[in-house]
Amino acid sequence: MTDGEITALFFARSESAVSSLQEKYGALMRSIAGGILSDPRDAEECVADACLAVWNRIPPESPNSLMAFTAKITRNLSSKAYHRNTAVKRGGAHYVALEELAECLPSKETPETELAAAELTRLLNRFLSEQTHDNRVIFMRRYWFSESAKKIAKRLGMKEGAVLTRLSRLRQKFGKYLEKEEWFA
């Protein structure tokens, strides 16, 4: 079923919309939630919450990319659940991944305005478009999907140390790229 057909089911408020969404993007949603949340039950709950959120947002929204729309909702809900679950104790793969990436940003503060966030997104997309395919995959798997270096290495047929080295170099490059572009949080 195409994204347009699934979106049409949401607009028609058909009960099959959610099952069609899960059939097409369920594995992606579970991968995102599972990469951020260590407890499989929390990840499944997050996937269910994401399906409900998509149901509540379509209509009125009509996303250009149902996959990106669903992935973003799943990631945001998973991150919120992660922070809620780890409010007292810090640690875990998702927190470590975000801490690593924060090192290359000029400021540890999160951009407070939508304009700053949109500009950072534009710069990140441009930076990634200039990288090799493997470097883009490594960067996105680590910082979007919160996968461990070990899992990325296995996926790409590399050694874990090589992935860690590339991640370090990519963070340094990204930091320098942001400085060159005069982006300040």
Protein backbone atom coordinates (compact mmCIF):
# COMPACT_ATOMS: atom_id res chain seq x y z
CA MET A 1 0.00 0.00 0.00
CA THR A 2 1.36 3.44 -0.88
CA ASP A 3 1.81 6.31 1.57
CA GLY A 4 -0.95 8.21 -0.24
CA GLU A 5 -3.37 5.32 0.17
CA ILE A 6 -2.57 5.01 3.87
CA THR A 7 -2.95 8.78 4.36
CA ALA A 8 -6.31 8.61 2.56
CA LEU A 9 -7.41 5.92 5.05
CA PHE A 10 -6.53 8.29 7.90
CA PHE A 11 -8.51 11.09 6.28
CA ALA A 12 -11.46 8.70 5.86
CA ARG A 13 -11.01 7.75 9.57
CA SER A 14 -10.85 4.11 8.56
CA GLU A 15 -9.81 1.71 11.31
CA SER A 16 -7.55 -0.05 8.81
CA ALA A 17 -5.34 3.07 8.62
CA VAL A 18 -3.42 2.20 11.77
CA SER A 19 -2.96 -1.45 10.84
CA SER A 20 -1.76 -0.41 7.36
CA LEU A 21 0.66 2.07 8.95
CA GLN A 22 2.00 -0.64 11.27
CA GLU A 23 2.29 -3.12 8.42
CA LYS A 24 4.34 -0.73 6.34
CA TYR A 25 6.34 1.16 8.99
CA GLY A 26 6.03 -0.95 12.14
CA ALA A 27 9.55 -2.36 11.85
CA LEU A 28 10.98 1.14 11.41
CA MET A 29 9.01 2.43 14.39
CA ARG A 30 10.14 -0.49 16.58
CA SER A 31 13.74 0.04 15.47
CA ILE A 32 13.64 3.73 16.41
CA ALA A 33 11.91 3.16 19.75
CA GLY A 34 14.09 0.14 20.55
CA GLY A 35 17.26 2.10 19.81
CA ILE A 36 16.30 4.76 22.33
CA LEU A 37 14.49 2.73 24.99
CA SER A 38 16.18 -0.27 26.57
CA ASP A 39 12.98 -1.96 27.72
CA PRO A 40 11.12 -3.69 24.85
CA ARG A 41 7.79 -3.09 26.62
CA ASP A 42 8.47 0.64 26.73
CA ALA A 43 9.38 0.56 23.04
CA GLU A 44 6.15 -1.25 22.13
CA GLU A 45 4.13 1.21 24.19
CA CYS A 46 5.87 4.05 22.40
CA VAL A 47 5.04 2.54 19.00
CA ALA A 48 1.39 2.29 20.03
CA ASP A 49 1.47 5.90 21.25
CA ALA A 50 3.05 6.95 17.95
CA CYS A 51 0.25 5.25 16.00
CA LEU A 52 -2.30 7.12 18.10
CA ALA A 53 -0.43 10.39 17.54
CA VAL A 54 -0.44 9.82 13.77
CA TRP A 55 -4.18 9.08 13.97
CA ASN A 56 -4.75 12.32 15.88
CA ARG A 57 -2.62 14.44 13.53
CA ILE A 58 -3.92 13.12 10.18
CA PRO A 59 -6.16 14.99 9.48
CA PRO A 60 -5.69 17.93 9.60
CA GLU A 61 -2.04 17.43 8.62
CA SER A 62 -1.21 15.77 5.33
CA PRO A 63 2.47 14.82 5.42
CA ASN A 64 4.59 14.80 2.28
CA SER A 65 6.44 11.74 3.56
CA LEU A 66 4.46 9.42 5.78
CA MET A 67 7.63 7.55 6.66
CA ALA A 68 9.46 10.69 7.86
CA PHE A 69 6.34 11.93 9.65
CA THR A 70 5.90 8.63 11.47
CA ALA A 71 9.61 8.28 12.26
CA LYS A 72 9.76 11.79 13.72
CA ILE A 73 6.74 11.21 15.93
CA THR A 74 8.12 7.85 17.10
CA ARG A 75 11.53 9.35 17.84
CA ASN A 76 10.09 12.31 19.74
CA LEU A 77 7.82 10.10 21.84
CA SER A 78 10.68 7.66 22.50
CA SER A 79 12.97 10.49 23.58
CA LYS A 80 10.31 11.84 25.93
CA ALA A 81 9.78 8.37 27.39
CA TYR A 82 13.53 7.91 27.75
CA HIS A 83 13.92 11.20 29.62
CA ARG A 84 10.92 10.41 31.78
CA ASN A 85 12.33 6.96 32.61
CA THR A 86 15.81 8.25 33.35
CA ALA A 87 14.98 11.48 35.15
CA VAL A 88 16.74 10.29 38.28
CA LYS A 89 19.58 8.32 36.78
CA ARG A 90 21.57 9.36 33.74
CA GLY A 91 23.13 6.91 31.34
CA GLY A 92 22.19 4.56 28.55
CA ALA A 93 22.93 4.53 24.85
CA HIS A 94 20.56 7.32 23.81
CA TYR A 95 21.86 9.73 26.45
CA VAL A 96 25.48 8.91 25.59
CA ALA A 97 24.81 9.41 21.86
CA LEU A 98 23.26 12.82 22.46
CA GLU A 99 26.08 13.82 24.80
CA GLU A 100 28.64 12.86 22.12
CA LEU A 101 26.91 14.98 19.52
CA ALA A 102 26.54 17.92 21.91
CA GLU A 103 30.34 18.13 22.18
CA CYS A 104 30.65 19.52 18.65
CA LEU A 105 27.96 22.19 19.06
CA PRO A 106 29.21 25.66 19.95
CA SER A 107 26.91 25.72 22.97
CA LYS A 108 25.43 22.99 25.14
CA GLU A 109 22.10 24.86 25.08
CA THR A 110 19.27 23.62 22.89
CA PRO A 111 18.21 26.19 20.26
CA GLU A 112 15.30 28.08 21.80
CA THR A 113 13.62 29.35 18.70
CA GLU A 114 12.18 27.50 15.74
CA LEU A 115 14.30 29.64 13.46
CA ALA A 116 17.52 28.49 15.11
CA ALA A 117 16.35 24.86 15.01
CA ALA A 118 15.40 25.18 11.33
CA GLU A 119 18.79 26.71 10.53
CA LEU A 120 20.61 23.96 12.41
CA THR A 121 18.57 21.35 10.53
CA ARG A 122 19.44 22.99 7.21
CA LEU A 123 23.14 23.06 8.10
CA LEU A 124 23.10 19.46 9.30
CA ASN A 125 21.41 18.30 6.09
CA ARG A 126 23.94 20.19 3.98
CA PHE A 127 26.84 18.82 6.05
CA LEU A 128 25.56 15.25 5.66
CA SER A 129 25.03 15.69 1.92
CA GLU A 130 28.76 16.40 1.61
CA GLN A 131 29.74 13.18 3.42
CA THR A 132 30.27 9.72 1.96
CA HIS A 133 27.35 7.30 2.01
CA ASP A 134 28.93 5.22 4.80
CA ASN A 135 29.63 8.31 6.91
CA ARG A 136 26.02 9.47 6.50
CA VAL A 137 24.76 6.03 7.51
CA ILE A 138 27.09 5.91 10.54
CA PHE A 139 26.10 9.41 11.64
CA MET A 140 22.35 8.84 11.23
CA ARG A 141 22.40 5.37 12.80
CA ARG A 142 24.19 6.76 15.86
CA TYR A 143 22.47 10.11 16.32
CA TRP A 144 19.01 9.51 14.88
CA PHE A 145 18.43 5.81 15.65
CA SER A 146 20.70 5.81 18.76
CA GLU A 147 22.36 2.58 17.65
CA SER A 148 25.53 1.46 19.38
CA ALA A 149 28.84 1.56 17.53
CA LYS A 150 28.92 -2.23 17.79
CA LYS A 151 25.56 -2.58 16.05
CA ILE A 152 26.53 -0.07 13.34
CA ALA A 153 29.81 -1.91 12.77
CA LYS A 154 27.99 -5.21 12.37
CA ARG A 155 25.47 -3.64 9.97
CA LEU A 156 28.25 -2.19 7.78
CA GLY A 157 30.73 -5.05 8.11
CA MET A 158 33.27 -2.87 9.90
CA LYS A 159 35.20 -3.04 13.13
CA GLU A 160 33.70 -1.24 16.11
CA GLY A 161 36.88 0.83 16.56
CA ALA A 162 36.62 2.07 12.96
CA VAL A 163 33.05 3.21 13.56
CA LEU A 164 34.06 4.99 16.78
CA THR A 165 36.92 6.72 14.97
CA ARG A 166 34.64 7.85 12.15
CA LEU A 167 32.08 9.15 14.64
CA SER A 168 34.76 11.15 16.43
CA ARG A 169 36.02 12.62 13.16
CA LEU A 170 32.48 13.36 11.97
CA ARG A 171 31.70 15.23 15.20
CA GLN A 172 34.90 17.26 14.81
CA LYS A 173 34.09 18.01 11.16
CA PHE A 174 30.53 18.99 12.05
CA GLY A 175 31.75 21.31 14.81
CA LYS A 176 34.19 23.00 12.41
CA TYR A 177 31.47 23.15 9.76
CA LEU A 178 29.16 24.96 12.19
CA GLU A 179 31.94 27.40 13.10
CA LYS A 180 32.65 28.06 9.41
CA GLU A 181 28.94 28.69 8.82
CA GLU A 182 28.92 30.97 11.89
CA TRP A 183 26.10 29.09 13.56
CA PHE A 184 25.83 29.80 17.26
CA ALA A 185 23.21 28.31 19.55
